[in-house]
C-alpha atoms as a PDB file:
ATOM      1  CA  UNK A   1      87.206 102.069 116.009  1.00  0.00           C
ATOM      2  CA  UNK A   2      89.661  99.562 114.623  1.00  0.00           C
ATOM      3  CA  UNK A   3      93.425 100.102 115.186  1.00  0.00           C
ATOM      4  CA  UNK A   4      94.138 101.283 111.628  1.00  0.00           C
ATOM      5  CA  UNK A   5      91.414 103.925 111.736  1.00  0.00           C
ATOM      6  CA  UNK A   6      92.667 105.050 115.154  1.00  0.00           C
ATOM      7  CA  UNK A   7      96.216 105.305 113.811  1.00  0.00           C
ATOM      8  CA  UNK A   8      95.086 107.311 110.796  1.00  0.00           C
ATOM      9  CA  UNK A   9      93.022 109.601 113.049  1.00  0.00           C
ATOM     10  CA  UNK A  10      95.972 110.136 115.416  1.00  0.00           C
ATOM     11  CA  UNK A  11      98.177 110.888 112.422  1.00  0.00           C
ATOM     12  CA  UNK A  12      95.584 113.354 111.127  1.00  0.00           C
ATOM     13  CA  UNK A  13      95.373 115.040 114.522  1.00  0.00           C
ATOM     14  CA  UNK A  14      99.153 115.499 114.567  1.00  0.00           C
ATOM     15  CA  UNK A  15      99.020 117.050 111.095  1.00  0.00           C
ATOM     16  CA  UNK A  16      96.243 119.431 112.189  1.00  0.00           C
ATOM     17  CA  UNK A  17      98.185 120.418 115.327  1.00  0.00           C
ATOM     18  CA  UNK A  18     101.314 121.040 113.251  1.00  0.00           C
ATOM     19  CA  UNK A  19      99.370 123.217 110.822  1.00  0.00           C
ATOM     20  CA  UNK A  20      97.823 125.217 113.663  1.00  0.00           C
ATOM     21  CA  UNK A  21     101.276 125.650 115.182  1.00  0.00           C
ATOM     22  CA  UNK A  22     102.555 127.197 111.955  1.00  0.00           C
ATOM     23  CA  UNK A  23     100.252 130.166 112.513  1.00  0.00           C
ATOM     24  CA  UNK A  24      98.780 132.529 109.959  1.00  0.00           C
ATOM     25  CA  UNK A  25     100.704 131.166 106.995  1.00  0.00           C
ATOM     26  CA  UNK A  26      98.987 127.775 107.351  1.00  0.00           C
ATOM     27  CA  UNK A  27      95.661 129.013 108.747  1.00  0.00           C
ATOM     28  CA  UNK A  28      93.602 128.369 105.574  1.00  0.00           C
ATOM     29  CA  UNK A  29      94.820 124.786 105.288  1.00  0.00           C
ATOM     30  CA  UNK A  30      94.524 124.242 109.051  1.00  0.00           C
ATOM     31  CA  UNK A  31      90.908 125.397 108.882  1.00  0.00           C
ATOM     32  CA  UNK A  32      90.082 122.978 106.080  1.00  0.00           C
ATOM     33  CA  UNK A  33      91.863 120.104 107.835  1.00  0.00           C
ATOM     34  CA  UNK A  34      90.107 120.871 111.127  1.00  0.00           C
ATOM     35  CA  UNK A  35      86.719 120.970 109.412  1.00  0.00           C
ATOM     36  CA  UNK A  36      87.399 117.646 107.684  1.00  0.00           C
ATOM     37  CA  UNK A  37      88.470 116.016 110.949  1.00  0.00           C
ATOM     38  CA  UNK A  38      91.538 114.020 111.925  1.00  0.00           C
ATOM     39  CA  UNK A  39      90.605 110.715 110.279  1.00  0.00           C
ATOM     40  CA  UNK A  40      89.876 112.296 106.903  1.00  0.00           C
ATOM     41  CA  UNK A  41      92.953 114.527 107.132  1.00  0.00           C
ATOM     42  CA  UNK A  42      95.193 111.566 107.951  1.00  0.00           C
ATOM     43  CA  UNK A  43      93.784 109.469 105.127  1.00  0.00           C
ATOM     44  CA  UNK A  44      94.094 112.354 102.677  1.00  0.00           C
ATOM     45  CA  UNK A  45      97.719 113.002 103.612  1.00  0.00           C
ATOM     46  CA  UNK A  46      98.549 109.331 103.174  1.00  0.00           C
ATOM     47  CA  UNK A  47      96.821 109.536  99.772  1.00  0.00           C
ATOM     48  CA  UNK A  48      95.767 105.901  99.860  1.00  0.00           C
ATOM     49  CA  UNK A  49      92.188 105.227  98.737  1.00  0.00           C
ATOM     50  CA  UNK A  50      92.028 102.136 100.934  1.00  0.00           C
ATOM     51  CA  UNK A  51      93.003 104.158 104.004  1.00  0.00           C
ATOM     52  CA  UNK A  52      90.474 106.832 103.114  1.00  0.00           C
ATOM     53  CA  UNK A  53      87.800 104.141 102.974  1.00  0.00           C
ATOM     54  CA  UNK A  54      88.892 102.833 106.370  1.00  0.00           C
ATOM     55  CA  UNK A  55      88.657 106.324 107.827  1.00  0.00           C
ATOM     56  CA  UNK A  56      85.099 106.494 106.531  1.00  0.00           C
ATOM     57  CA  UNK A  57      84.282 103.299 108.404  1.00  0.00           C
ATOM     58  CA  UNK A  58      84.282 100.718 105.628  1.00  0.00           C
ATOM     59  CA  UNK A  59      85.426  97.256 106.723  1.00  0.00           C
ATOM     60  CA  UNK A  60      86.652  96.100 103.284  1.00  0.00           C
ATOM     61  CA  UNK A  61      89.525  98.594 102.915  1.00  0.00           C
ATOM     62  CA  UNK A  62      90.614  97.906 106.495  1.00  0.00           C
ATOM     63  CA  UNK A  63      90.866  94.214 105.691  1.00  0.00           C
ATOM     64  CA  UNK A  64      92.717  95.000 102.466  1.00  0.00           C
ATOM     65  CA  UNK A  65      95.393  96.953 104.342  1.00  0.00           C
ATOM     66  CA  UNK A  66      95.571  94.585 107.298  1.00  0.00           C
ATOM     67  CA  UNK A  67      95.899  91.520 105.072  1.00  0.00           C
ATOM     68  CA  UNK A  68      98.316  92.999 102.529  1.00  0.00           C
ATOM     69  CA  UNK A  69     101.839  93.418 103.932  1.00  0.00           C
ATOM     70  CA  UNK A  70     102.713  95.892 101.172  1.00  0.00           C
ATOM     71  CA  UNK A  71      99.716  98.123 101.923  1.00  0.00           C
ATOM     72  CA  UNK A  72     100.375  97.908 105.668  1.00  0.00           C
ATOM     73  CA  UNK A  73     104.034  98.830 105.166  1.00  0.00           C
ATOM     74  CA  UNK A  74     103.026 101.702 102.879  1.00  0.00           C
ATOM     75  CA  UNK A  75     100.661 103.124 105.497  1.00  0.00           C
ATOM     76  CA  UNK A  76     103.320 102.778 108.194  1.00  0.00           C
ATOM     77  CA  UNK A  77     105.926 104.414 105.943  1.00  0.00           C
ATOM     78  CA  UNK A  78     103.601 107.338 105.236  1.00  0.00           C
ATOM     79  CA  UNK A  79     103.061 107.871 108.941  1.00  0.00           C
ATOM     80  CA  UNK A  80     106.797 107.591 109.677  1.00  0.00           C
ATOM     81  CA  UNK A  81     107.662 110.167 107.001  1.00  0.00           C
ATOM     82  CA  UNK A  82     105.078 112.617 108.332  1.00  0.00           C
ATOM     83  CA  UNK A  83     106.263 112.165 111.924  1.00  0.00           C
ATOM     84  CA  UNK A  84     109.884 112.718 110.832  1.00  0.00           C
ATOM     85  CA  UNK A  85     108.916 115.869 108.947  1.00  0.00           C
ATOM     86  CA  UNK A  86     106.975 117.162 111.948  1.00  0.00           C
ATOM     87  CA  UNK A  87     109.963 116.495 114.221  1.00  0.00           C
ATOM     88  CA  UNK A  88     112.289 118.312 111.820  1.00  0.00           C
ATOM     89  CA  UNK A  89     109.898 121.265 111.700  1.00  0.00           C
ATOM     90  CA  UNK A  90     109.683 121.494 115.481  1.00  0.00           C
ATOM     91  CA  UNK A  91     113.450 121.140 115.921  1.00  0.00           C
ATOM     92  CA  UNK A  92     114.111 123.724 113.221  1.00  0.00           C
ATOM     93  CA  UNK A  93     111.656 126.182 114.754  1.00  0.00           C
ATOM     94  CA  UNK A  94     113.185 125.876 118.217  1.00  0.00           C
ATOM     95  CA  UNK A  95     116.781 125.761 116.981  1.00  0.00           C
ATOM     96  CA  UNK A  96     116.263 128.897 114.862  1.00  0.00           C
ATOM     97  CA  UNK A  97     115.335 130.834 118.009  1.00  0.00           C
ATOM     98  CA  UNK A  98     119.005 130.510 119.067  1.00  0.00           C
ATOM     99  CA  UNK A  99     118.244 130.907 122.773  1.00  0.00           C
ATOM    100  CA  UNK A 100     121.500 131.224 124.771  1.00  0.00           C
ATOM    101  CA  UNK A 101     122.115 128.214 127.010  1.00  0.00           C
ATOM    102  CA  UNK A 102     119.553 126.017 125.240  1.00  0.00           C
ATOM    103  CA  UNK A 103     121.202 123.194 123.265  1.00  0.00           C
ATOM    104  CA  UNK A 104     120.122 122.409 119.714  1.00  0.00           C
ATOM    105  CA  UNK A 105     117.329 119.836 119.428  1.00  0.00           C
ATOM    106  CA  UNK A 106     118.014 116.715 117.383  1.00  0.00           C
ATOM    107  CA  UNK A 107     115.681 113.757 116.829  1.00  0.00           C
ATOM    108  CA  UNK A 108     117.106 110.354 115.951  1.00  0.00           C
END
């Protein structure tokens, strides 16, 4: 796979893992995302038709993103936002446990 498709798939896998970690409340969505697979999930979350085409294996959308600095930056921004949200969710979940002696988690 090309690097963009791999990145989208890794992003999708992190989304699926986050959904699974949320438990029963997210189980229906986690099931759909798992069935679709990481590449499709990542492309869907980014909501970029060119990325979705890349996840499906088309070379033209990959070239469009790779050769367009605005599209590349948009894909990177989408991934960064999702990673930040996942970090906030994890930190919030752990911090809300209020375990004595365990410091609060903060991501920079």
